[in-house]
PDB file of all heavy atoms in Angstrom:
ATOM      1  N   LEU A   1     101.334  96.009 125.545  1.00  0.00           N
ATOM      2  CA  LEU A   1     100.366  95.630 124.517  1.00  0.00           C
ATOM      3  C   LEU A   1      99.261  96.684 124.483  1.00  0.00           C
ATOM      4  O   LEU A   1      98.808  97.135 125.536  1.00  0.00           O
ATOM      5  CB  LEU A   1      99.770  94.252 124.815  1.00  0.00           C
ATOM      6  CG  LEU A   1     100.766  93.086 124.926  1.00  0.00           C
ATOM      7  CD1 LEU A   1     100.042  91.816 125.373  1.00  0.00           C
ATOM      8  CD2 LEU A   1     101.481  92.855 123.602  1.00  0.00           C
ATOM      9  N   PHE A   2      98.833  97.057 123.283  1.00  0.00           N
ATOM     10  CA  PHE A   2      97.867  98.139 123.125  1.00  0.00           C
ATOM     11  C   PHE A   2      96.651  97.664 122.342  1.00  0.00           C
ATOM     12  O   PHE A   2      96.775  96.966 121.327  1.00  0.00           O
ATOM     13  CB  PHE A   2      98.496  99.307 122.353  1.00  0.00           C
ATOM     14  CG  PHE A   2      99.706  99.916 123.009  1.00  0.00           C
ATOM     15  CD1 PHE A   2     100.957  99.326 122.874  1.00  0.00           C
ATOM     16  CD2 PHE A   2      99.598 101.079 123.755  1.00  0.00           C
ATOM     17  CE1 PHE A   2     102.080  99.882 123.478  1.00  0.00           C
ATOM     18  CE2 PHE A   2     100.714 101.647 124.356  1.00  0.00           C
ATOM     19  CZ  PHE A   2     101.957 101.041 124.222  1.00  0.00           C
ATOM     20  N   ALA A   3      95.466  98.070 122.788  1.00  0.00           N
ATOM     21  CA  ALA A   3      94.235  97.822 122.043  1.00  0.00           C
ATOM     22  C   ALA A   3      93.363  99.062 122.128  1.00  0.00           C
ATOM     23  O   ALA A   3      93.313  99.715 123.172  1.00  0.00           O
ATOM     24  CB  ALA A   3      93.485  96.615 122.591  1.00  0.00           C
ATOM     25  N   HIS A   4      92.691  99.392 121.036  1.00  0.00           N
ATOM     26  CA  HIS A   4      91.755 100.521 121.104  1.00  0.00           C
ATOM     27  C   HIS A   4      90.337  99.993 121.293  1.00  0.00           C
ATOM     28  O   HIS A   4      89.951  98.953 120.745  1.00  0.00           O
ATOM     29  CB  HIS A   4      91.874 101.446 119.896  1.00  0.00           C
ATOM     30  CG  HIS A   4      91.520 100.850 118.559  1.00  0.00           C
ATOM     31  ND1 HIS A   4      90.221 100.776 118.102  1.00  0.00           N
ATOM     32  CD2 HIS A   4      92.284 100.335 117.574  1.00  0.00           C
ATOM     33  CE1 HIS A   4      90.202 100.255 116.886  1.00  0.00           C
ATOM     34  NE2 HIS A   4      91.437  99.961 116.547  1.00  0.00           N
ATOM     35  N   MET A   5      89.588 100.723 122.093  1.00  0.00           N
ATOM     36  CA  MET A   5      88.250 100.290 122.473  1.00  0.00           C
ATOM     37  C   MET A   5      87.161 100.784 121.533  1.00  0.00           C
ATOM     38  O   MET A   5      86.057 100.223 121.511  1.00  0.00           O
ATOM     39  CB  MET A   5      87.949 100.749 123.910  1.00  0.00           C
ATOM     40  CG  MET A   5      88.855 100.122 124.947  1.00  0.00           C
ATOM     41  SD  MET A   5      88.493 100.666 126.646  1.00  0.00           S
ATOM     42  CE  MET A   5      89.127 102.364 126.611  1.00  0.00           C
ATOM     43  N   ASP A   6      87.418 101.850 120.784  1.00  0.00           N
ATOM     44  CA  ASP A   6      86.387 102.371 119.890  1.00  0.00           C
ATOM     45  C   ASP A   6      86.314 101.532 118.617  1.00  0.00           C
ATOM     46  O   ASP A   6      87.279 100.884 118.208  1.00  0.00           O
ATOM     47  CB  ASP A   6      86.643 103.841 119.552  1.00  0.00           C
ATOM     48  CG  ASP A   6      88.000 104.079 118.904  1.00  0.00           C
ATOM     49  OD1 ASP A   6      88.981 103.430 119.325  1.00  0.00           O
ATOM     50  OD2 ASP A   6      88.089 104.919 117.985  1.00  0.00           O
ATOM     51  N   VAL A   7      85.136 101.550 118.000  1.00  0.00           N
ATOM     52  CA  VAL A   7      84.911 100.845 116.743  1.00  0.00           C
ATOM     53  C   VAL A   7      84.261 101.803 115.761  1.00  0.00           C
ATOM     54  O   VAL A   7      83.732 102.858 116.143  1.00  0.00           O
ATOM     55  CB  VAL A   7      84.011  99.600 116.938  1.00  0.00           C
ATOM     56  CG1 VAL A   7      84.633  98.630 117.926  1.00  0.00           C
ATOM     57  CG2 VAL A   7      82.604  99.998 117.397  1.00  0.00           C
ATOM     58  N   VAL A   8      84.292 101.435 114.492  1.00  0.00           N
ATOM     59  CA  VAL A   8      83.624 102.248 113.477  1.00  0.00           C
ATOM     60  C   VAL A   8      82.138 101.877 113.434  1.00  0.00           C
ATOM     61  O   VAL A   8      81.744 100.798 113.900  1.00  0.00           O
ATOM     62  CB  VAL A   8      84.257 102.044 112.085  1.00  0.00           C
ATOM     63  CG1 VAL A   8      85.693 102.541 112.079  1.00  0.00           C
ATOM     64  CG2 VAL A   8      84.184 100.593 111.644  1.00  0.00           C
ATOM     65  N   PRO A   9      81.279 102.745 112.867  1.00  0.00           N
ATOM     66  CA  PRO A   9      79.865 102.389 112.717  1.00  0.00           C
ATOM     67  C   PRO A   9      79.705 101.166 111.813  1.00  0.00           C
ATOM     68  O   PRO A   9      80.636 100.769 111.108  1.00  0.00           O
ATOM     69  CB  PRO A   9      79.254 103.643 112.088  1.00  0.00           C
ATOM     70  CG  PRO A   9      80.220 104.742 112.383  1.00  0.00           C
ATOM     71  CD  PRO A   9      81.572 104.112 112.413  1.00  0.00           C
ATOM     72  N   GLU A  10      78.502 100.609 111.812  1.00  0.00           N
ATOM     73  CA  GLU A  10      78.271  99.395 111.033  1.00  0.00           C
ATOM     74  C   GLU A  10      78.260  99.628 109.537  1.00  0.00           C
ATOM     75  O   GLU A  10      78.395  98.705 108.740  1.00  0.00           O
ATOM     76  CB  GLU A  10      76.955  98.724 111.454  1.00  0.00           C
ATOM     77  CG  GLU A  10      75.683  99.463 111.057  1.00  0.00           C
ATOM     78  CD  GLU A  10      75.236 100.468 112.109  1.00  0.00           C
ATOM     79  OE1 GLU A  10      76.098 100.983 112.847  1.00  0.00           O
ATOM     80  OE2 GLU A  10      74.027 100.734 112.177  1.00  0.00           O
ATOM     81  N   GLY A  11      78.093 100.899 109.101  1.00  0.00           N
ATOM     82  CA  GLY A  11      78.001 101.170 107.672  1.00  0.00           C
ATOM     83  C   GLY A  11      76.619 100.818 107.147  1.00  0.00           C
ATOM     84  O   GLY A  11      75.615 100.918 107.865  1.00  0.00           O
ATOM     85  N   GLU A  12      76.550 100.376 105.908  1.00  0.00           N
ATOM     86  CA  GLU A  12      75.275 100.027 105.292  1.00  0.00           C
ATOM     87  C   GLU A  12      74.730  98.738 105.911  1.00  0.00           C
ATOM     88  O   GLU A  12      75.251  97.645 105.682  1.00  0.00           O
ATOM     89  CB  GLU A  12      75.453  99.854 103.781  1.00  0.00           C
ATOM     90  CG  GLU A  12      74.194  99.446 103.043  1.00  0.00           C
ATOM     91  CD  GLU A  12      73.015 100.368 103.325  1.00  0.00           C
ATOM     92  OE1 GLU A  12      73.153 101.589 103.117  1.00  0.00           O
ATOM     93  OE2 GLU A  12      71.958  99.856 103.782  1.00  0.00           O
ATOM     94  N   ALA A  13      73.669  98.882 106.691  1.00  0.00           N
ATOM     95  CA  ALA A  13      73.141  97.747 107.463  1.00  0.00           C
ATOM     96  C   ALA A  13      72.673  96.605 106.567  1.00  0.00           C
ATOM     97  O   ALA A  13      72.778  95.427 106.948  1.00  0.00           O
ATOM     98  CB  ALA A  13      71.997  98.219 108.357  1.00  0.00           C
ATOM     99  N   SER A  14      72.178  96.922 105.368  1.00  0.00           N
ATOM    100  CA  SER A  14      71.647  95.880 104.489  1.00  0.00           C
ATOM    101  C   SER A  14      72.725  94.933 103.973  1.00  0.00           C
ATOM    102  O   SER A  14      72.411  93.837 103.485  1.00  0.00           O
ATOM    103  CB  SER A  14      70.924  96.524 103.297  1.00  0.00           C
ATOM    104  OG  SER A  14      71.842  97.256 102.481  1.00  0.00           O
ATOM    105  N   LEU A  15      73.980  95.324 104.083  1.00  0.00           N
ATOM    106  CA  LEU A  15      75.069  94.475 103.610  1.00  0.00           C
ATOM    107  C   LEU A  15      75.483  93.424 104.642  1.00  0.00           C
ATOM    108  O   LEU A  15      76.237  92.502 104.323  1.00  0.00           O
ATOM    109  CB  LEU A  15      76.280  95.328 103.235  1.00  0.00           C
ATOM    110  CG  LEU A  15      76.073  96.339 102.101  1.00  0.00           C
ATOM    111  CD1 LEU A  15      77.339  97.160 101.875  1.00  0.00           C
ATOM    112  CD2 LEU A  15      75.677  95.623 100.816  1.00  0.00           C
ATOM    113  N   TRP A  16      74.981  93.566 105.860  1.00  0.00           N
ATOM    114  CA  TRP A  16      75.296  92.602 106.912  1.00  0.00           C
ATOM    115  C   TRP A  16      74.335  91.409 106.824  1.00  0.00           C
ATOM    116  O   TRP A  16      73.131  91.578 106.647  1.00  0.00           O
ATOM    117  CB  TRP A  16      75.181  93.247 108.283  1.00  0.00           C
ATOM    118  CG  TRP A  16      76.329  94.143 108.633  1.00  0.00           C
ATOM    119  CD1 TRP A  16      76.516  95.431 108.236  1.00  0.00           C
ATOM    120  CD2 TRP A  16      77.446  93.812 109.454  1.00  0.00           C
ATOM    121  NE1 TRP A  16      77.688  95.923 108.758  1.00  0.00           N
ATOM    122  CE2 TRP A  16      78.282  94.956 109.513  1.00  0.00           C
ATOM    123  CE3 TRP A  16      77.831  92.669 110.157  1.00  0.00           C
ATOM    124  CZ2 TRP A  16      79.483  94.980 110.238  1.00  0.00           C
ATOM    125  CZ3 TRP A  16      79.009  92.684 110.879  1.00  0.00           C
ATOM    126  CH2 TRP A  16      79.828  93.832 110.913  1.00  0.00           C
ATOM    127  N   LYS A  17      74.886  90.213 107.001  1.00  0.00           N
ATOM    128  CA  LYS A  17      74.069  89.010 107.025  1.00  0.00           C
ATOM    129  C   LYS A  17      73.570  88.689 108.433  1.00  0.00           C
ATOM    130  O   LYS A  17      72.702  87.826 108.605  1.00  0.00           O
ATOM    131  CB  LYS A  17      74.871  87.827 106.469  1.00  0.00           C
ATOM    132  CG  LYS A  17      75.260  88.003 105.004  1.00  0.00           C
ATOM    133  CD  LYS A  17      76.087  86.828 104.500  1.00  0.00           C
ATOM    134  CE  LYS A  17      76.480  87.028 103.047  1.00  0.00           C
ATOM    135  NZ  LYS A  17      77.327  85.912 102.539  1.00  0.00           N
ATOM    136  N   THR A  18      74.157  89.365 109.419  1.00  0.00           N
ATOM    137  CA  THR A  18      73.747  89.202 110.820  1.00  0.00           C
ATOM    138  C   THR A  18      73.646  90.590 111.446  1.00  0.00           C
ATOM    139  O   THR A  18      74.075  91.588 110.853  1.00  0.00           O
ATOM    140  CB  THR A  18      74.762  88.359 111.609  1.00  0.00           C
ATOM    141  OG1 THR A  18      76.036  89.039 111.611  1.00  0.00           O
ATOM    142  CG2 THR A  18      74.929  86.981 110.989  1.00  0.00           C
ATOM    143  N   ASN A  19      73.102  90.667 112.642  1.00  0.00           N
ATOM    144  CA  ASN A  19      73.075  91.929 113.378  1.00  0.00           C
ATOM    145  C   ASN A  19      74.517  92.296 113.752  1.00  0.00           C
ATOM    146  O   ASN A  19      75.185  91.534 114.454  1.00  0.00           O
ATOM    147  CB  ASN A  19      72.224  91.775 114.641  1.00  0.00           C
ATOM    148  CG  ASN A  19      72.061  93.079 115.411  1.00  0.00           C
ATOM    149  OD1 ASN A  19      72.903  93.981 115.349  1.00  0.00           O
ATOM    150  ND2 ASN A  19      70.971  93.188 116.155  1.00  0.00           N
ATOM    151  N   PRO A  20      75.014  93.439 113.278  1.00  0.00           N
ATOM    152  CA  PRO A  20      76.419  93.771 113.542  1.00  0.00           C
ATOM    153  C   PRO A  20      76.759  93.952 115.009  1.00  0.00           C
ATOM    154  O   PRO A  20      77.929  93.881 115.391  1.00  0.00           O
ATOM    155  CB  PRO A  20      76.615  95.083 112.765  1.00  0.00           C
ATOM    156  CG  PRO A  20      75.254  95.643 112.571  1.00  0.00           C
ATOM    157  CD  PRO A  20      74.345  94.462 112.460  1.00  0.00           C
ATOM    158  N   TRP A  21      75.743  94.182 115.853  1.00  0.00           N
ATOM    159  CA  TRP A  21      75.996  94.448 117.272  1.00  0.00           C
ATOM    160  C   TRP A  21      75.683  93.245 118.159  1.00  0.00           C
ATOM    161  O   TRP A  21      75.665  93.350 119.380  1.00  0.00           O
ATOM    162  CB  TRP A  21      75.199  95.672 117.720  1.00  0.00           C
ATOM    163  CG  TRP A  21      75.523  96.872 116.874  1.00  0.00           C
ATOM    164  CD1 TRP A  21      74.714  97.485 115.977  1.00  0.00           C
ATOM    165  CD2 TRP A  21      76.775  97.575 116.831  1.00  0.00           C
ATOM    166  NE1 TRP A  21      75.366  98.530 115.371  1.00  0.00           N
ATOM    167  CE2 TRP A  21      76.633  98.613 115.875  1.00  0.00           C
ATOM    168  CE3 TRP A  21      77.987  97.434 117.498  1.00  0.00           C
ATOM    169  CZ2 TRP A  21      77.671  99.503 115.582  1.00  0.00           C
ATOM    170  CZ3 TRP A  21      79.018  98.312 117.201  1.00  0.00           C
ATOM    171  CH2 TRP A  21      78.854  99.331 116.259  1.00  0.00           C
ATOM    172  N   GLU A  22      75.423  92.087 117.544  1.00  0.00           N
ATOM    173  CA  GLU A  22      75.233  90.836 118.275  1.00  0.00           C
ATOM    174  C   GLU A  22      76.143  89.789 117.656  1.00  0.00           C
ATOM    175  O   GLU A  22      75.950  89.395 116.511  1.00  0.00           O
ATOM    176  CB  GLU A  22      73.774  90.377 118.218  1.00  0.00           C
ATOM    177  CG  GLU A  22      72.812  91.306 118.939  1.00  0.00           C
ATOM    178  CD  GLU A  22      71.369  90.819 118.864  1.00  0.00           C
ATOM    179  OE1 GLU A  22      71.156  89.703 118.324  1.00  0.00           O
ATOM    180  OE2 GLU A  22      70.476  91.545 119.325  1.00  0.00           O
ATOM    181  N   VAL A  23      77.145  89.361 118.399  1.00  0.00           N
ATOM    182  CA  VAL A  23      78.128  88.424 117.865  1.00  0.00           C
ATOM    183  C   VAL A  23      77.478  87.088 117.537  1.00  0.00           C
ATOM    184  O   VAL A  23      76.729  86.531 118.342  1.00  0.00           O
ATOM    185  CB  VAL A  23      79.292  88.229 118.861  1.00  0.00           C
ATOM    186  CG1 VAL A  23      80.169  87.052 118.444  1.00  0.00           C
ATOM    187  CG2 VAL A  23      80.116  89.503 118.951  1.00  0.00           C
ATOM    188  N   VAL A  24      77.775  86.592 116.341  1.00  0.00           N
ATOM    189  CA  VAL A  24      77.299  85.288 115.895  1.00  0.00           C
ATOM    190  C   VAL A  24      78.505  84.404 115.621  1.00  0.00           C
ATOM    191  O   VAL A  24      79.443  84.826 114.936  1.00  0.00           O
ATOM    192  CB  VAL A  24      76.441  85.413 114.619  1.00  0.00           C
ATOM    193  CG1 VAL A  24      76.096  84.036 114.059  1.00  0.00           C
ATOM    194  CG2 VAL A  24      75.162  86.204 114.916  1.00  0.00           C
ATOM    195  N   GLN A  25      78.496  83.200 116.169  1.00  0.00           N
ATOM    196  CA  GLN A  25      79.594  82.266 115.951  1.00  0.00           C
ATOM    197  C   GLN A  25      79.249  81.299 114.835  1.00  0.00           C
ATOM    198  O   GLN A  25      78.166  80.708 114.793  1.00  0.00           O
ATOM    199  CB  GLN A  25      79.906  81.481 117.227  1.00  0.00           C
ATOM    200  CG  GLN A  25      81.066  80.499 117.058  1.00  0.00           C
ATOM    201  CD  GLN A  25      81.404  79.740 118.331  1.00  0.00           C
ATOM    202  OE1 GLN A  25      80.789  79.960 119.376  1.00  0.00           O
ATOM    203  NE2 GLN A  25      82.379  78.851 118.252  1.00  0.00           N
ATOM    204  N   LYS A  26      80.187  81.138 113.895  1.00  0.00           N
ATOM    205  CA  LYS A  26      80.077  80.145 112.838  1.00  0.00           C
ATOM    206  C   LYS A  26      81.391  79.381 112.795  1.00  0.00           C
ATOM    207  O   LYS A  26      82.371  79.832 112.198  1.00  0.00           O
ATOM    208  CB  LYS A  26      79.795  80.807 111.490  1.00  0.00           C
ATOM    209  CG  LYS A  26      78.476  81.575 111.436  1.00  0.00           C
ATOM    210  CD  LYS A  26      78.237  82.202 110.066  1.00  0.00           C
ATOM    211  CE  LYS A  26      76.925  82.972 110.022  1.00  0.00           C
ATOM    212  NZ  LYS A  26      76.680  83.597 108.687  1.00  0.00           N
ATOM    213  N   GLY A  27      81.424  78.249 113.478  1.00  0.00           N
ATOM    214  CA  GLY A  27      82.655  77.488 113.578  1.00  0.00           C
ATOM    215  C   GLY A  27      83.706  78.254 114.360  1.00  0.00           C
ATOM    216  O   GLY A  27      83.481  78.671 115.498  1.00  0.00           O
TER     217      GLY A  27
END
């Protein structure tokens, strides 16, 4: 099984409804 550890940047921060680097749970 393979997984990559790198991620892409957040992009345009204003388009996020939450902080992209702090996980938020909704259900």
